[in-house]
């Protein structure tokens, strides 16, 4: 029964798939996923199981591609490219110079790259589980303005699938208003690779968010944050933030470098405070009882 069902699904013509309504296509995608689950648990010759896997995977991938418009697919491609480029930058360990080193171990490094310019890298360890940090940076992204004074507002303009979104960010008052207000329109892509989370992004164009009055439209990317649990203690999370931004306008490089590196240090401090407040540890709760 199982191989016969898989053959039936795989035999549906591609022309018919394209003409399906969204609801029907979604239903067939769900069916192919269910076949994949059955393939993993159903008894019988391994040949049948492998056959179901191949056919259901091919059917699902074709259908899911057609669920997105060409424009949406271009955003997905941009997000994946942001991951590829930013991880390539982080993977090259040569040439980094220390900009700031805090007493708590946080440090910001920088180097100059051809055709990109100066990039900054924050390295920090947070005494929180990875899921708690990830929740604040991704699930509660639009609340960032509540705890990070360098961000005035983050708004999700469009979600594309489970990994990609378009956002609009307004920068808060930076360096005592030395820098005029900036805003960004970005495509973001979030991926998990084993125990590591990658949150990457880069500037993009989005027709529903033209340049805003009173803001200079700056550009970022490729940029990313990488989260992974510390090997010796999984209750702690290593954060690496690659910052690559063009603030536009005329600004002395000395001011830009100072502001960007300090912004990263401040971000780590504010993030610690936020996550500690939203996910207190047992010791935190105990200390509150005796106040």
Protein backbone atom coordinates (compact mmCIF):
# COMPACT_ATOMS: atom_id res chain seq x y z
CA UNK A 1 0.00 0.00 0.00
CA UNK A 2 2.76 2.42 0.93
CA UNK A 3 4.76 2.20 -2.33
CA UNK A 4 1.56 2.36 -4.37
CA UNK A 5 0.53 5.57 -2.60
CA UNK A 6 3.92 7.16 -3.13
CA UNK A 7 3.81 6.34 -6.85
CA UNK A 8 0.35 7.85 -7.12
CA UNK A 9 1.47 11.14 -5.53
CA UNK A 10 4.64 11.33 -7.60
CA UNK A 11 2.67 10.67 -10.77
CA UNK A 12 0.71 13.92 -10.49
CA UNK A 13 1.78 16.03 -13.46
CA UNK A 14 3.72 19.23 -12.92
CA UNK A 15 1.15 21.11 -15.05
CA UNK A 16 -1.60 20.12 -12.63
CA UNK A 17 0.53 21.16 -9.66
CA UNK A 18 0.94 24.64 -11.06
CA UNK A 19 -2.81 24.99 -11.59
CA UNK A 20 -3.77 23.93 -8.06
CA UNK A 21 -5.24 26.52 -5.73
CA UNK A 22 -3.14 27.49 -2.73
CA UNK A 23 -5.23 25.37 -0.36
CA UNK A 24 -4.96 22.25 -2.48
CA UNK A 25 -1.24 22.70 -3.01
CA UNK A 26 -0.77 23.11 0.72
CA UNK A 27 -2.73 19.90 1.29
CA UNK A 28 -0.56 17.96 -1.14
CA UNK A 29 2.59 19.33 0.50
CA UNK A 30 1.24 18.16 3.85
CA UNK A 31 0.50 14.73 2.36
CA UNK A 32 4.03 14.41 1.07
CA UNK A 33 5.38 15.29 4.51
CA UNK A 34 3.16 12.62 6.06
CA UNK A 35 4.49 10.08 3.57
CA UNK A 36 7.99 11.02 4.64
CA UNK A 37 7.06 10.31 8.26
CA UNK A 38 5.54 6.95 7.30
CA UNK A 39 8.67 6.08 5.40
CA UNK A 40 10.66 6.43 8.59
CA UNK A 41 8.49 4.11 10.67
CA UNK A 42 6.63 1.78 8.29
CA UNK A 43 7.82 -1.86 8.09
CA UNK A 44 8.88 -3.41 4.85
CA UNK A 45 11.81 -3.55 2.48
CA UNK A 46 14.21 -0.63 2.68
CA UNK A 47 13.80 -0.20 -1.08
CA UNK A 48 10.19 0.86 -0.57
CA UNK A 49 11.17 3.28 2.18
CA UNK A 50 13.88 4.90 0.09
CA UNK A 51 11.48 5.13 -2.84
CA UNK A 52 8.92 6.99 -0.72
CA UNK A 53 11.59 9.33 0.62
CA UNK A 54 12.84 10.23 -2.84
CA UNK A 55 9.43 10.71 -4.40
CA UNK A 56 7.86 12.63 -1.49
CA UNK A 57 10.92 14.87 -1.13
CA UNK A 58 10.90 15.74 -4.84
CA UNK A 59 7.15 16.39 -4.82
CA UNK A 60 7.35 18.55 -1.69
CA UNK A 61 10.26 20.66 -2.94
CA UNK A 62 8.53 21.36 -6.26
CA UNK A 63 5.30 22.36 -4.56
CA UNK A 64 6.95 24.55 -1.93
CA UNK A 65 8.87 26.44 -4.61
CA UNK A 66 5.59 27.27 -6.36
CA UNK A 67 4.07 28.54 -3.11
CA UNK A 68 6.32 31.62 -3.39
CA UNK A 69 6.24 34.34 -6.00
CA UNK A 70 9.33 35.29 -7.97
CA UNK A 71 9.78 38.34 -5.73
CA UNK A 72 9.54 36.23 -2.58
CA UNK A 73 12.04 33.74 -3.98
CA UNK A 74 14.44 36.62 -4.65
CA UNK A 75 14.22 37.64 -0.97
CA UNK A 76 14.86 34.05 0.11
CA UNK A 77 17.91 33.97 -2.16
CA UNK A 78 19.17 37.28 -0.71
CA UNK A 79 18.83 35.94 2.82
CA UNK A 80 20.77 32.79 1.99
CA UNK A 81 23.43 34.91 0.30
CA UNK A 82 23.72 37.03 3.46
CA UNK A 83 24.43 33.87 5.46
CA UNK A 84 27.00 32.65 2.94
CA UNK A 85 28.91 35.94 2.74
CA UNK A 86 28.84 36.78 6.45
CA UNK A 87 29.93 33.29 7.50
CA UNK A 88 32.77 33.51 4.98
CA UNK A 89 33.94 36.74 6.63
CA UNK A 90 33.73 35.25 10.11
CA UNK A 91 35.51 32.11 8.95
CA UNK A 92 38.65 34.07 8.08
CA UNK A 93 40.47 34.49 11.39
CA UNK A 94 43.35 36.56 10.01
CA UNK A 95 43.70 40.32 10.27
CA UNK A 96 41.32 41.10 13.14
CA UNK A 97 42.42 43.89 15.49
CA UNK A 98 40.97 44.65 18.92
CA UNK A 99 38.93 47.86 19.13
CA UNK A 100 37.46 47.45 22.63
CA UNK A 101 37.99 44.89 25.39
CA UNK A 102 35.66 45.08 28.40
CA UNK A 103 36.40 43.87 31.89
CA UNK A 104 33.68 41.20 31.61
CA UNK A 105 35.40 39.61 28.63
CA UNK A 106 33.35 41.19 25.85
CA UNK A 107 35.48 42.41 22.98
CA UNK A 108 35.03 44.11 19.63
CA UNK A 109 37.45 43.42 16.82
CA UNK A 110 37.67 44.92 13.34
CA UNK A 111 39.38 44.59 10.00
CA UNK A 112 39.19 46.17 6.56
CA UNK A 113 37.97 44.08 3.64
CA UNK A 114 38.36 44.86 -0.07
CA UNK A 115 35.17 46.23 -1.68
CA UNK A 116 33.40 46.20 1.70
CA UNK A 117 35.38 48.43 4.02
CA UNK A 118 35.69 48.15 7.77
CA UNK A 119 33.71 45.42 9.54
CA UNK A 120 33.32 44.87 13.27
CA UNK A 121 32.94 41.67 15.26
CA UNK A 122 31.56 41.41 18.79
CA UNK A 123 32.41 38.34 20.86
CA UNK A 124 30.51 37.91 24.12
CA UNK A 125 29.36 35.13 26.45
CA UNK A 126 25.90 35.37 28.01
CA UNK A 127 24.96 33.36 31.08
CA UNK A 128 21.71 32.23 29.50
CA UNK A 129 20.60 29.21 27.50
CA UNK A 130 20.64 29.61 23.74
CA UNK A 131 16.85 29.38 23.36
CA UNK A 132 16.37 32.30 25.74
CA UNK A 133 18.74 34.52 23.75
CA UNK A 134 17.28 33.37 20.44
CA UNK A 135 13.78 34.17 21.67
CA UNK A 136 14.67 37.80 22.35
CA UNK A 137 16.55 38.31 19.09
CA UNK A 138 14.07 36.56 16.79
CA UNK A 139 10.72 35.72 18.36
CA UNK A 140 10.51 39.07 20.21
CA UNK A 141 12.36 41.08 17.58
CA UNK A 142 9.75 43.83 17.42
CA UNK A 143 10.21 44.51 21.16
CA UNK A 144 13.88 45.38 20.79
CA UNK A 145 13.16 49.08 21.09
CA UNK A 146 11.95 48.44 24.65
CA UNK A 147 15.37 47.44 25.93
CA UNK A 148 17.96 48.68 23.43
CA UNK A 149 18.23 52.50 23.40
CA UNK A 150 20.20 52.33 20.15
CA UNK A 151 17.06 51.02 18.43
CA UNK A 152 13.92 53.12 18.21
CA UNK A 153 11.74 50.59 16.41
CA UNK A 154 11.85 47.26 14.60
CA UNK A 155 8.89 46.32 12.44
CA UNK A 156 8.37 43.10 10.49
CA UNK A 157 7.02 44.12 7.08
CA UNK A 158 6.60 40.66 5.59
CA UNK A 159 7.29 37.05 6.54
CA UNK A 160 8.28 34.58 3.83
CA UNK A 161 8.13 31.00 5.01
CA UNK A 162 9.55 30.13 8.40
CA UNK A 163 13.10 31.42 7.89
CA UNK A 164 12.92 34.70 5.94
CA UNK A 165 11.42 38.12 6.66
CA UNK A 166 11.64 41.75 5.59
CA UNK A 167 12.11 44.29 8.39
CA UNK A 168 12.27 48.04 8.87
CA UNK A 169 14.52 49.33 11.64
CA UNK A 170 14.80 52.85 12.96
CA UNK A 171 17.99 53.64 14.84
CA UNK A 172 17.68 55.40 18.17
CA UNK A 173 19.69 58.38 19.39
CA UNK A 174 23.31 57.44 18.90
CA UNK A 175 26.29 59.10 20.57
CA UNK A 176 24.29 62.00 21.97
CA UNK A 177 22.70 62.85 18.61
CA UNK A 178 26.07 63.23 16.92
CA UNK A 179 24.70 61.08 14.09
CA UNK A 180 21.43 62.02 12.41
CA UNK A 181 18.63 59.41 12.57
CA UNK A 182 19.09 56.42 10.27
CA UNK A 183 16.76 53.69 9.15
CA UNK A 184 17.25 50.36 7.39
CA UNK A 185 15.17 48.00 5.27
CA UNK A 186 16.60 44.50 5.51
CA UNK A 187 15.98 40.93 4.48
CA UNK A 188 16.70 38.55 7.36
CA UNK A 189 17.26 34.82 7.32
CA UNK A 190 17.38 32.60 10.40
CA UNK A 191 18.89 29.12 10.22
CA UNK A 192 19.77 26.40 12.71
CA UNK A 193 22.75 24.18 11.98
CA UNK A 194 22.93 21.60 14.71
CA UNK A 195 23.25 23.45 18.00
CA UNK A 196 24.26 26.69 16.24
CA UNK A 197 21.82 29.46 15.27
CA UNK A 198 22.65 31.93 12.51
CA UNK A 199 20.71 35.19 12.20
CA UNK A 200 21.85 36.89 9.01
CA UNK A 201 20.69 39.88 7.01
CA UNK A 202 21.47 42.54 4.47
CA UNK A 203 19.81 45.64 3.06
CA UNK A 204 17.18 45.20 0.40
CA UNK A 205 14.53 47.15 -1.48
CA UNK A 206 10.89 46.87 -0.47
CA UNK A 207 8.31 48.87 -2.39
CA UNK A 208 5.98 49.37 0.56
CA UNK A 209 8.69 51.07 2.63
CA UNK A 210 10.15 54.06 0.73
CA UNK A 211 12.61 56.44 2.35
CA UNK A 212 11.15 58.11 5.44
CA UNK A 213 11.09 61.82 6.16
CA UNK A 214 13.60 62.76 8.84
CA UNK A 215 15.70 59.60 8.34
CA UNK A 216 18.72 58.83 6.20
CA UNK A 217 18.33 55.40 4.60
CA UNK A 218 21.50 53.54 5.57
CA UNK A 219 22.61 50.12 4.35
CA UNK A 220 23.88 47.07 6.14
CA UNK A 221 25.21 43.72 5.25
CA UNK A 222 26.04 41.16 4.83
CA UNK A 223 25.83 40.96 8.61
CA UNK A 224 24.93 38.23 11.08
CA UNK A 225 24.71 37.04 14.66
CA UNK A 226 25.87 33.52 15.51
CA UNK A 227 24.68 31.81 18.68
CA UNK A 228 25.96 28.52 20.05
CA UNK A 229 26.07 26.95 23.51
CA UNK A 230 29.41 26.95 25.28
CA UNK A 231 30.98 23.50 25.11
CA UNK A 232 31.88 23.43 28.79
CA UNK A 233 28.53 24.81 30.00
CA UNK A 234 25.37 24.63 27.89
CA UNK A 235 23.60 27.09 30.17
CA UNK A 236 25.82 29.78 28.63
CA UNK A 237 25.68 31.09 25.06
CA UNK A 238 28.47 32.46 22.90
CA UNK A 239 27.35 35.42 20.80
CA UNK A 240 29.33 36.56 17.77
CA UNK A 241 27.96 39.61 15.95
CA UNK A 242 29.39 40.67 12.59
CA UNK A 243 28.49 44.30 11.93
CA UNK A 244 28.91 45.65 8.41
CA UNK A 245 27.12 48.95 7.86
CA UNK A 246 27.24 51.98 5.59
CA UNK A 247 25.64 54.89 7.45
CA UNK A 248 25.59 57.07 4.32
CA UNK A 249 25.91 60.83 4.47
CA UNK A 250 29.14 62.61 5.39
CA UNK A 251 30.65 61.48 8.65
CA UNK A 252 34.27 61.39 9.84
CA UNK A 253 35.56 57.82 9.90
CA UNK A 254 36.93 58.27 13.40
CA UNK A 255 33.45 59.01 14.72
CA UNK A 256 31.87 56.14 12.77
CA UNK A 257 34.42 53.63 14.07
CA UNK A 258 34.02 54.78 17.66
CA UNK A 259 30.21 54.77 17.53
CA UNK A 260 29.85 51.36 15.84
CA UNK A 261 32.24 49.55 18.15
CA UNK A 262 30.69 51.12 21.26
CA UNK A 263 27.21 50.25 19.93
CA UNK A 264 28.18 46.58 19.91
CA UNK A 265 29.48 46.67 23.48
CA UNK A 266 26.32 48.46 24.63
CA UNK A 267 24.16 45.91 22.80
CA UNK A 268 25.72 43.01 24.70
CA UNK A 269 25.12 44.82 28.00
CA UNK A 270 21.48 45.63 27.22
CA UNK A 271 20.81 42.12 25.92
CA UNK A 272 22.14 40.58 29.13
CA UNK A 273 19.87 42.80 31.19
CA UNK A 274 16.84 41.98 29.06
CA UNK A 275 17.27 38.22 29.01
CA UNK A 276 17.99 38.13 32.73
CA UNK A 277 14.76 40.04 33.37
CA UNK A 278 12.64 37.79 31.14
CA UNK A 279 14.33 34.51 32.14
CA UNK A 280 15.54 34.84 35.75
CA UNK A 281 17.64 32.00 37.10
CA UNK A 282 16.75 30.25 40.38
CA UNK A 283 19.50 32.23 42.15
CA UNK A 284 17.95 35.45 40.86
CA UNK A 285 14.57 34.47 42.31
CA UNK A 286 16.15 33.59 45.65
CA UNK A 287 17.88 36.93 45.91
CA UNK A 288 14.57 38.69 45.30
CA UNK A 289 12.97 36.86 48.22
CA UNK A 290 15.45 38.28 50.73
CA UNK A 291 15.23 41.89 49.61
